[in-house]
Amino acid sequence: GPGLYYVDDGGTRLSGRMFSTGCGSSFAY
């Protein structure tokens, strides 16, 4: 089915239902 993962330069990998990145992410969240 649908999949959504967050990956960053530190090697973090997370699965979730909702993610936002960037300096405006707190407002988007």
PDB file of all heavy atoms in Angstrom:
ATOM      1  N   GLY A   1       0.823  -1.200   0.000  1.00  0.00           N
ATOM      2  CA  GLY A   1       0.000   0.000   0.000  1.00  0.00           C
ATOM      3  C   GLY A   1       0.860   1.254   0.000  1.00  0.00           C
ATOM      4  O   GLY A   1       2.047   1.215  -0.342  1.00  0.00           O
ATOM      5  N   PRO A   2       0.307   2.402   0.388  1.00  0.00           N
ATOM      6  CA  PRO A   2       1.091   3.646   0.411  1.00  0.00           C
ATOM      7  C   PRO A   2       2.171   3.601   1.478  1.00  0.00           C
ATOM      8  O   PRO A   2       1.969   3.058   2.571  1.00  0.00           O
ATOM      9  CB  PRO A   2       0.041   4.727   0.724  1.00  0.00           C
ATOM     10  CG  PRO A   2      -1.069   4.001   1.405  1.00  0.00           C
ATOM     11  CD  PRO A   2      -1.100   2.623   0.817  1.00  0.00           C
ATOM     12  N   GLY A   3       3.331   4.166   1.155  1.00  0.00           N
ATOM     13  CA  GLY A   3       4.453   4.191   2.100  1.00  0.00           C
ATOM     14  C   GLY A   3       5.055   5.574   2.195  1.00  0.00           C
ATOM     15  O   GLY A   3       5.105   6.310   1.202  1.00  0.00           O
ATOM     16  N   LEU A   4       5.499   5.934   3.394  1.00  0.00           N
ATOM     17  CA  LEU A   4       6.110   7.242   3.631  1.00  0.00           C
ATOM     18  C   LEU A   4       7.242   7.090   4.636  1.00  0.00           C
ATOM     19  O   LEU A   4       7.019   6.608   5.749  1.00  0.00           O
ATOM     20  CB  LEU A   4       5.059   8.232   4.151  1.00  0.00           C
ATOM     21  CG  LEU A   4       5.545   9.630   4.574  1.00  0.00           C
ATOM     22  CD1 LEU A   4       6.228  10.344   3.408  1.00  0.00           C
ATOM     23  CD2 LEU A   4       4.379  10.459   5.108  1.00  0.00           C
ATOM     24  N   TYR A   5       8.463   7.471   4.237  1.00  0.00           N
ATOM     25  CA  TYR A   5       9.649   7.359   5.087  1.00  0.00           C
ATOM     26  C   TYR A   5      10.421   8.671   5.087  1.00  0.00           C
ATOM     27  O   TYR A   5      10.460   9.380   4.071  1.00  0.00           O
ATOM     28  CB  TYR A   5      10.574   6.244   4.599  1.00  0.00           C
ATOM     29  CG  TYR A   5      10.042   4.850   4.828  1.00  0.00           C
ATOM     30  CD1 TYR A   5       9.131   4.298   3.942  1.00  0.00           C
ATOM     31  CD2 TYR A   5      10.431   4.094   5.936  1.00  0.00           C
ATOM     32  CE1 TYR A   5       8.622   3.026   4.141  1.00  0.00           C
ATOM     33  CE2 TYR A   5       9.936   2.824   6.140  1.00  0.00           C
ATOM     34  CZ  TYR A   5       9.031   2.289   5.248  1.00  0.00           C
ATOM     35  OH  TYR A   5       8.529   1.024   5.464  1.00  0.00           O
ATOM     36  N   TYR A   6      11.029   8.955   6.226  1.00  0.00           N
ATOM     37  CA  TYR A   6      11.913  10.117   6.363  1.00  0.00           C
ATOM     38  C   TYR A   6      13.348   9.612   6.477  1.00  0.00           C
ATOM     39  O   TYR A   6      13.629   8.695   7.266  1.00  0.00           O
ATOM     40  CB  TYR A   6      11.538  10.926   7.603  1.00  0.00           C
ATOM     41  CG  TYR A   6      12.587  11.946   8.009  1.00  0.00           C
ATOM     42  CD1 TYR A   6      12.677  13.174   7.349  1.00  0.00           C
ATOM     43  CD2 TYR A   6      13.484  11.680   9.037  1.00  0.00           C
ATOM     44  CE1 TYR A   6      13.636  14.108   7.711  1.00  0.00           C
ATOM     45  CE2 TYR A   6      14.449  12.605   9.407  1.00  0.00           C
ATOM     46  CZ  TYR A   6      14.517  13.812   8.740  1.00  0.00           C
ATOM     47  OH  TYR A   6      15.482  14.724   9.094  1.00  0.00           O
ATOM     48  N   VAL A   7      14.255  10.191   5.695  1.00  0.00           N
ATOM     49  CA  VAL A   7      15.675   9.828   5.729  1.00  0.00           C
ATOM     50  C   VAL A   7      16.492  11.113   5.765  1.00  0.00           C
ATOM     51  O   VAL A   7      16.210  12.055   5.011  1.00  0.00           O
ATOM     52  CB  VAL A   7      16.073   8.996   4.483  1.00  0.00           C
ATOM     53  CG1 VAL A   7      17.556   8.639   4.533  1.00  0.00           C
ATOM     54  CG2 VAL A   7      15.232   7.735   4.380  1.00  0.00           C
ATOM     55  N   ASP A   8      17.525  11.160   6.632  1.00  0.00           N
ATOM     56  CA  ASP A   8      18.370  12.357   6.648  1.00  0.00           C
ATOM     57  C   ASP A   8      19.841  11.987   6.542  1.00  0.00           C
ATOM     58  O   ASP A   8      20.200  10.809   6.474  1.00  0.00           O
ATOM     59  CB  ASP A   8      18.091  13.226   7.881  1.00  0.00           C
ATOM     60  CG  ASP A   8      18.499  12.572   9.199  1.00  0.00           C
ATOM     61  OD1 ASP A   8      19.284  11.604   9.187  1.00  0.00           O
ATOM     62  OD2 ASP A   8      18.030  13.030  10.252  1.00  0.00           O
ATOM     63  N   ASP A   9      20.699  13.023   6.519  1.00  0.00           N
ATOM     64  CA  ASP A   9      22.129  12.811   6.288  1.00  0.00           C
ATOM     65  C   ASP A   9      22.820  12.110   7.446  1.00  0.00           C
ATOM     66  O   ASP A   9      23.951  11.640   7.293  1.00  0.00           O
ATOM     67  CB  ASP A   9      22.819  14.155   6.010  1.00  0.00           C
ATOM     68  CG  ASP A   9      22.532  15.176   7.105  1.00  0.00           C
ATOM     69  OD1 ASP A   9      23.143  15.107   8.185  1.00  0.00           O
ATOM     70  OD2 ASP A   9      21.677  16.049   6.892  1.00  0.00           O
ATOM     71  N   GLY A  10      22.193  12.015   8.603  1.00  0.00           N
ATOM     72  CA  GLY A  10      22.785  11.287   9.726  1.00  0.00           C
ATOM     73  C   GLY A  10      22.478   9.805   9.693  1.00  0.00           C
ATOM     74  O   GLY A  10      22.918   9.059  10.576  1.00  0.00           O
ATOM     75  N   GLY A  11      21.727   9.351   8.701  1.00  0.00           N
ATOM     76  CA  GLY A  11      21.366   7.938   8.611  1.00  0.00           C
ATOM     77  C   GLY A  11      20.077   7.600   9.329  1.00  0.00           C
ATOM     78  O   GLY A  11      19.720   6.429   9.445  1.00  0.00           O
ATOM     79  N   THR A  12      19.356   8.620   9.805  1.00  0.00           N
ATOM     80  CA  THR A  12      18.056   8.377  10.446  1.00  0.00           C
ATOM     81  C   THR A  12      17.037   7.945   9.387  1.00  0.00           C
ATOM     82  O   THR A  12      16.975   8.539   8.311  1.00  0.00           O
ATOM     83  CB  THR A  12      17.557   9.647  11.147  1.00  0.00           C
ATOM     84  OG1 THR A  12      18.500  10.042  12.136  1.00  0.00           O
ATOM     85  CG2 THR A  12      16.201   9.415  11.811  1.00  0.00           C
ATOM     86  N   ARG A  13      16.254   6.929   9.718  1.00  0.00           N
ATOM     87  CA  ARG A  13      15.204   6.455   8.805  1.00  0.00           C
ATOM     88  C   ARG A  13      13.968   6.139   9.638  1.00  0.00           C
ATOM     89  O   ARG A  13      14.002   5.298  10.520  1.00  0.00           O
ATOM     90  CB  ARG A  13      15.668   5.213   8.061  1.00  0.00           C
ATOM     91  CG  ARG A  13      14.602   4.530   7.194  1.00  0.00           C
ATOM     92  CD  ARG A  13      15.222   3.366   6.432  1.00  0.00           C
ATOM     93  NE  ARG A  13      14.236   2.549   5.765  1.00  0.00           N
ATOM     94  CZ  ARG A  13      13.658   1.460   6.289  1.00  0.00           C
ATOM     95  NH1 ARG A  13      13.977   1.061   7.511  1.00  0.00           N
ATOM     96  NH2 ARG A  13      12.770   0.767   5.598  1.00  0.00           N
ATOM     97  N   LEU A  14      12.881   6.861   9.344  1.00  0.00           N
ATOM     98  CA  LEU A  14      11.657   6.714  10.121  1.00  0.00           C
ATOM     99  C   LEU A  14      10.476   6.481   9.194  1.00  0.00           C
ATOM    100  O   LEU A  14      10.388   7.087   8.127  1.00  0.00           O
ATOM    101  CB  LEU A  14      11.395   7.975  10.956  1.00  0.00           C
ATOM    102  CG  LEU A  14      12.480   8.404  11.947  1.00  0.00           C
ATOM    103  CD1 LEU A  14      12.160   9.776  12.512  1.00  0.00           C
ATOM    104  CD2 LEU A  14      12.619   7.386  13.062  1.00  0.00           C
ATOM    105  N   SER A  15       9.577   5.622   9.620  1.00  0.00           N
ATOM    106  CA  SER A  15       8.321   5.417   8.906  1.00  0.00           C
ATOM    107  C   SER A  15       7.217   6.116   9.688  1.00  0.00           C
ATOM    108  O   SER A  15       7.192   6.064  10.922  1.00  0.00           O
ATOM    109  CB  SER A  15       8.017   3.923   8.782  1.00  0.00           C
ATOM    110  OG  SER A  15       6.741   3.722   8.218  1.00  0.00           O
ATOM    111  N   GLY A  16       6.305   6.781   8.985  1.00  0.00           N
ATOM    112  CA  GLY A  16       5.249   7.494   9.694  1.00  0.00           C
ATOM    113  C   GLY A  16       4.102   7.869   8.775  1.00  0.00           C
ATOM    114  O   GLY A  16       4.123   7.597   7.571  1.00  0.00           O
ATOM    115  N   ARG A  17       3.107   8.511   9.351  1.00  0.00           N
ATOM    116  CA  ARG A  17       1.932   8.946   8.597  1.00  0.00           C
ATOM    117  C   ARG A  17       2.053  10.386   8.142  1.00  0.00           C
ATOM    118  O   ARG A  17       1.338  10.815   7.238  1.00  0.00           O
ATOM    119  CB  ARG A  17       0.662   8.774   9.437  1.00  0.00           C
ATOM    120  CG  ARG A  17       0.434   7.373   9.974  1.00  0.00           C
ATOM    121  CD  ARG A  17      -1.014   7.143  10.332  1.00  0.00           C
ATOM    122  NE  ARG A  17      -1.882   7.219   9.168  1.00  0.00           N
ATOM    123  CZ  ARG A  17      -2.038   6.227   8.278  1.00  0.00           C
ATOM    124  NH1 ARG A  17      -1.375   5.098   8.427  1.00  0.00           N
ATOM    125  NH2 ARG A  17      -2.843   6.387   7.244  1.00  0.00           N
ATOM    126  N   MET A  18       2.944  11.147   8.779  1.00  0.00           N
ATOM    127  CA  MET A  18       3.058  12.572   8.458  1.00  0.00           C
ATOM    128  C   MET A  18       4.460  13.064   8.787  1.00  0.00           C
ATOM    129  O   MET A  18       4.986  12.766   9.858  1.00  0.00           O
ATOM    130  CB  MET A  18       2.038  13.363   9.277  1.00  0.00           C
ATOM    131  CG  MET A  18       2.056  14.862   9.034  1.00  0.00           C
ATOM    132  SD  MET A  18       1.216  15.758  10.364  1.00  0.00           S
ATOM    133  CE  MET A  18      -0.348  14.885  10.456  1.00  0.00           C
ATOM    134  N   PHE A  19       5.094  13.783   7.854  1.00  0.00           N
ATOM    135  CA  PHE A  19       6.397  14.388   8.089  1.00  0.00           C
ATOM    136  C   PHE A  19       6.438  15.759   7.443  1.00  0.00           C
ATOM    137  O   PHE A  19       5.763  16.014   6.437  1.00  0.00           O
ATOM    138  CB  PHE A  19       7.534  13.537   7.506  1.00  0.00           C
ATOM    139  CG  PHE A  19       7.764  12.232   8.204  1.00  0.00           C
ATOM    140  CD1 PHE A  19       7.462  11.039   7.567  1.00  0.00           C
ATOM    141  CD2 PHE A  19       8.283  12.197   9.487  1.00  0.00           C
ATOM    142  CE1 PHE A  19       7.670   9.827   8.201  1.00  0.00           C
ATOM    143  CE2 PHE A  19       8.495  10.990  10.132  1.00  0.00           C
ATOM    144  CZ  PHE A  19       8.185   9.799   9.488  1.00  0.00           C
ATOM    145  N   SER A  20       7.242  16.639   8.014  1.00  0.00           N
ATOM    146  CA  SER A  20       7.529  17.925   7.405  1.00  0.00           C
ATOM    147  C   SER A  20       8.982  18.263   7.690  1.00  0.00           C
ATOM    148  O   SER A  20       9.478  17.984   8.794  1.00  0.00           O
ATOM    149  CB  SER A  20       6.609  19.016   7.960  1.00  0.00           C
ATOM    150  OG  SER A  20       6.871  20.256   7.327  1.00  0.00           O
ATOM    151  N   THR A  21       9.677  18.811   6.708  1.00  0.00           N
ATOM    152  CA  THR A  21      11.098  19.138   6.885  1.00  0.00           C
ATOM    153  C   THR A  21      11.342  20.572   6.460  1.00  0.00           C
ATOM    154  O   THR A  21      10.547  21.186   5.750  1.00  0.00           O
ATOM    155  CB  THR A  21      11.989  18.206   6.050  1.00  0.00           C
ATOM    156  OG1 THR A  21      11.721  18.436   4.649  1.00  0.00           O
ATOM    157  CG2 THR A  21      11.737  16.748   6.367  1.00  0.00           C
ATOM    158  N   GLY A  22      12.474  21.112   6.889  1.00  0.00           N
ATOM    159  CA  GLY A  22      12.857  22.476   6.546  1.00  0.00           C
ATOM    160  C   GLY A  22      12.586  23.446   7.672  1.00  0.00           C
ATOM    161  O   GLY A  22      11.948  23.113   8.681  1.00  0.00           O
ATOM    162  N   CYS A  23      13.063  24.686   7.490  1.00  0.00           N
ATOM    163  CA  CYS A  23      12.930  25.674   8.571  1.00  0.00           C
ATOM    164  C   CYS A  23      11.497  26.153   8.743  1.00  0.00           C
ATOM    165  O   CYS A  23      11.161  26.742   9.762  1.00  0.00           O
ATOM    166  CB  CYS A  23      13.866  26.846   8.339  1.00  0.00           C
ATOM    167  SG  CYS A  23      13.608  27.699   6.786  1.00  0.00           S
ATOM    168  N   GLY A  24      10.624  25.895   7.761  1.00  0.00           N
ATOM    169  CA  GLY A  24       9.217  26.244   7.916  1.00  0.00           C
ATOM    170  C   GLY A  24       8.358  25.087   8.379  1.00  0.00           C
ATOM    171  O   GLY A  24       7.126  25.199   8.427  1.00  0.00           O
ATOM    172  N   SER A  25       8.996  23.970   8.761  1.00  0.00           N
ATOM    173  CA  SER A  25       8.243  22.753   9.089  1.00  0.00           C
ATOM    174  C   SER A  25       7.373  22.900  10.333  1.00  0.00           C
ATOM    175  O   SER A  25       6.293  22.310  10.409  1.00  0.00           O
ATOM    176  CB  SER A  25       9.196  21.570   9.265  1.00  0.00           C
ATOM    177  OG  SER A  25      10.111  21.806  10.314  1.00  0.00           O
ATOM    178  N   SER A  26       7.830  23.697  11.313  1.00  0.00           N
ATOM    179  CA  SER A  26       7.039  23.839  12.536  1.00  0.00           C
ATOM    180  C   SER A  26       5.690  24.497  12.241  1.00  0.00           C
ATOM    181  O   SER A  26       4.665  24.126  12.826  1.00  0.00           O
ATOM    182  CB  SER A  26       7.811  24.649  13.586  1.00  0.00           C
ATOM    183  OG  SER A  26       8.169  25.913  13.064  1.00  0.00           O
ATOM    184  N   PHE A  27       5.670  25.460  11.313  1.00  0.00           N
ATOM    185  CA  PHE A  27       4.415  26.110  10.935  1.00  0.00           C
ATOM    186  C   PHE A  27       3.524  25.146  10.147  1.00  0.00           C
ATOM    187  O   PHE A  27       2.306  25.101  10.343  1.00  0.00           O
ATOM    188  CB  PHE A  27       4.700  27.362  10.111  1.00  0.00           C
ATOM    189  CG  PHE A  27       5.692  28.298  10.749  1.00  0.00           C
ATOM    190  CD1 PHE A  27       6.928  28.515  10.180  1.00  0.00           C
ATOM    191  CD2 PHE A  27       5.391  28.957  11.937  1.00  0.00           C
ATOM    192  CE1 PHE A  27       7.849  29.358  10.780  1.00  0.00           C
ATOM    193  CE2 PHE A  27       6.293  29.808  12.532  1.00  0.00           C
ATOM    194  CZ  PHE A  27       7.534  30.007  11.960  1.00  0.00           C
ATOM    195  N   ALA A  28       4.144  24.381   9.245  1.00  0.00           N
ATOM    196  CA  ALA A  28       3.377  23.413   8.452  1.00  0.00           C
ATOM    197  C   ALA A  28       2.785  22.331   9.351  1.00  0.00           C
ATOM    198  O   ALA A  28       1.632  21.928   9.173  1.00  0.00           O
ATOM    199  CB  ALA A  28       4.268  22.792   7.383  1.00  0.00           C
ATOM    200  N   TYR A  29       3.557  21.860  10.330  1.00  0.00           N
ATOM    201  CA  TYR A  29       3.053  20.849  11.267  1.00  0.00           C
ATOM    202  C   TYR A  29       1.822  21.350  12.009  1.00  0.00           C
ATOM    203  O   TYR A  29       0.854  20.611  12.212  1.00  0.00           O
ATOM    204  CB  TYR A  29       4.136  20.478  12.290  1.00  0.00           C
ATOM    205  CG  TYR A  29       4.990  19.293  11.914  1.00  0.00           C
ATOM    206  CD1 TYR A  29       6.377  19.376  11.947  1.00  0.00           C
ATOM    207  CD2 TYR A  29       4.415  18.073  11.546  1.00  0.00           C
ATOM    208  CE1 TYR A  29       7.171  18.294  11.613  1.00  0.00           C
ATOM    209  CE2 TYR A  29       5.202  16.983  11.221  1.00  0.00           C
ATOM    210  CZ  TYR A  29       6.574  17.097  11.252  1.00  0.00           C
ATOM    211  OH  TYR A  29       7.359  16.013  10.928  1.00  0.00           O
TER     212      TYR A  29
END
